[in-house]
N, C-alpha and C. Protein backbone atom coordinates (compact mmCIF):
# COMPACT_ATOMS: atom_id res chain seq x y z
N MET A 1 76.94 75.19 67.12
CA MET A 1 76.80 74.29 68.28
C MET A 1 77.15 72.85 67.79
N ILE A 2 78.02 72.18 68.49
CA ILE A 2 78.37 70.78 68.10
C ILE A 2 77.39 69.88 68.68
N GLN A 3 76.83 68.97 67.87
CA GLN A 3 75.89 68.01 68.22
C GLN A 3 76.62 66.71 68.84
N LYS A 4 76.10 66.19 69.92
CA LYS A 4 76.60 64.94 70.42
C LYS A 4 76.25 63.81 69.40
N PRO A 5 77.25 62.88 69.22
CA PRO A 5 77.01 61.75 68.30
C PRO A 5 75.92 60.92 68.97
N THR A 6 75.12 60.30 68.07
CA THR A 6 74.13 59.28 68.44
C THR A 6 74.20 58.04 67.61
N ILE A 7 73.65 56.94 68.21
CA ILE A 7 73.66 55.71 67.44
C ILE A 7 72.33 55.12 67.46
N ASP A 8 72.06 54.31 66.53
CA ASP A 8 70.87 53.46 66.46
C ASP A 8 71.29 52.01 66.92
N VAL A 9 70.49 51.26 67.67
CA VAL A 9 70.88 50.00 68.12
C VAL A 9 69.80 48.98 67.67
N VAL A 10 70.37 47.93 67.09
CA VAL A 10 69.50 46.77 66.64
C VAL A 10 69.91 45.54 67.55
N ILE A 11 68.93 44.98 68.26
CA ILE A 11 69.27 43.91 69.15
C ILE A 11 68.49 42.67 68.70
N PRO A 12 69.22 41.65 68.14
CA PRO A 12 68.59 40.39 67.76
C PRO A 12 68.20 39.63 69.09
N ALA A 13 67.05 39.02 69.22
CA ALA A 13 66.61 38.41 70.33
C ALA A 13 65.91 37.08 70.09
N PHE A 14 66.31 36.07 70.86
CA PHE A 14 65.66 34.78 70.74
C PHE A 14 65.49 34.33 72.19
N ASN A 15 64.25 34.24 72.65
CA ASN A 15 63.94 33.95 74.09
C ASN A 15 64.75 34.64 75.00
N GLU A 16 64.81 35.91 74.79
CA GLU A 16 65.61 36.80 75.73
C GLU A 16 64.81 37.61 76.77
N GLN A 17 63.61 37.14 77.07
CA GLN A 17 62.61 37.95 77.88
C GLN A 17 63.30 38.07 79.31
N GLU A 18 64.10 37.23 79.81
CA GLU A 18 64.74 37.37 81.05
C GLU A 18 65.77 38.44 81.14
N SER A 19 66.52 38.64 80.03
CA SER A 19 67.66 39.48 80.03
C SER A 19 67.58 40.75 79.27
N ILE A 20 66.51 40.98 78.47
CA ILE A 20 66.45 42.23 77.59
C ILE A 20 66.37 43.39 78.50
N VAL A 21 65.76 43.41 79.56
CA VAL A 21 65.63 44.61 80.40
C VAL A 21 67.03 45.04 80.87
N SER A 22 67.76 44.14 81.31
CA SER A 22 69.11 44.50 81.78
C SER A 22 70.01 45.04 80.60
N VAL A 23 69.90 44.46 79.42
CA VAL A 23 70.59 44.95 78.31
C VAL A 23 70.18 46.41 78.03
N LEU A 24 68.95 46.62 77.95
CA LEU A 24 68.45 48.04 77.74
C LEU A 24 68.92 48.96 78.78
N LYS A 25 68.93 48.60 80.12
CA LYS A 25 69.36 49.48 81.16
C LYS A 25 70.89 49.72 81.09
N ASP A 26 71.66 48.82 80.53
CA ASP A 26 73.13 49.00 80.47
C ASP A 26 73.51 49.93 79.37
N MET A 27 72.59 50.30 78.39
CA MET A 27 72.99 51.08 77.27
C MET A 27 73.13 52.56 77.68
N PRO A 28 74.04 53.25 77.07
CA PRO A 28 74.31 54.69 77.43
C PRO A 28 73.21 55.48 76.72
N MET A 29 72.09 55.70 77.33
CA MET A 29 70.88 56.22 76.64
C MET A 29 71.15 57.69 76.17
N ASP A 30 72.16 58.35 76.63
CA ASP A 30 72.36 59.72 76.13
C ASP A 30 73.07 59.66 74.71
N TRP A 31 73.55 58.45 74.36
CA TRP A 31 74.07 58.24 73.02
C TRP A 31 73.04 57.60 72.04
N VAL A 32 72.09 56.87 72.62
CA VAL A 32 71.23 56.02 71.81
C VAL A 32 69.98 56.90 71.32
N ARG A 33 69.80 56.93 70.05
CA ARG A 33 68.73 57.65 69.36
C ARG A 33 67.48 56.72 69.28
N GLU A 34 67.70 55.40 68.84
CA GLU A 34 66.60 54.45 68.62
C GLU A 34 67.09 53.11 68.93
N VAL A 35 66.25 52.34 69.52
CA VAL A 35 66.53 50.86 69.79
C VAL A 35 65.39 50.00 68.99
N VAL A 36 65.95 49.09 68.29
CA VAL A 36 64.95 48.11 67.62
C VAL A 36 65.35 46.69 68.11
N VAL A 37 64.42 46.03 68.67
CA VAL A 37 64.56 44.67 69.15
C VAL A 37 63.96 43.74 68.12
N VAL A 38 64.70 42.89 67.56
CA VAL A 38 64.23 41.98 66.51
C VAL A 38 64.00 40.53 67.11
N ASN A 39 62.70 40.23 67.13
CA ASN A 39 62.34 38.92 67.67
C ASN A 39 62.58 37.84 66.60
N ASN A 40 63.31 36.76 66.91
CA ASN A 40 63.62 35.77 66.07
C ASN A 40 62.91 34.39 66.45
N ASN A 41 61.54 34.47 66.36
CA ASN A 41 60.68 33.37 66.63
C ASN A 41 60.81 32.79 68.04
N SER A 42 60.82 33.72 68.98
CA SER A 42 60.88 33.29 70.36
C SER A 42 59.66 32.50 70.84
N ARG A 43 59.80 31.73 71.80
CA ARG A 43 58.63 30.91 72.28
C ARG A 43 58.14 31.49 73.56
C-alpha cells in the first residue's frame, strides 16, 4: 500500500492571535502530520 505524503508545519508567530485560526483552517489537513506554532514574544 502506498502511503500518502505528509508534512510537518512550523509557523512563526508574532502577535498573530487575530489571523492564526484562518491560517490553520487554510492548511490541507489531510497532508499535515503536525503543526508547531512558535511564539516570538507576542504581547
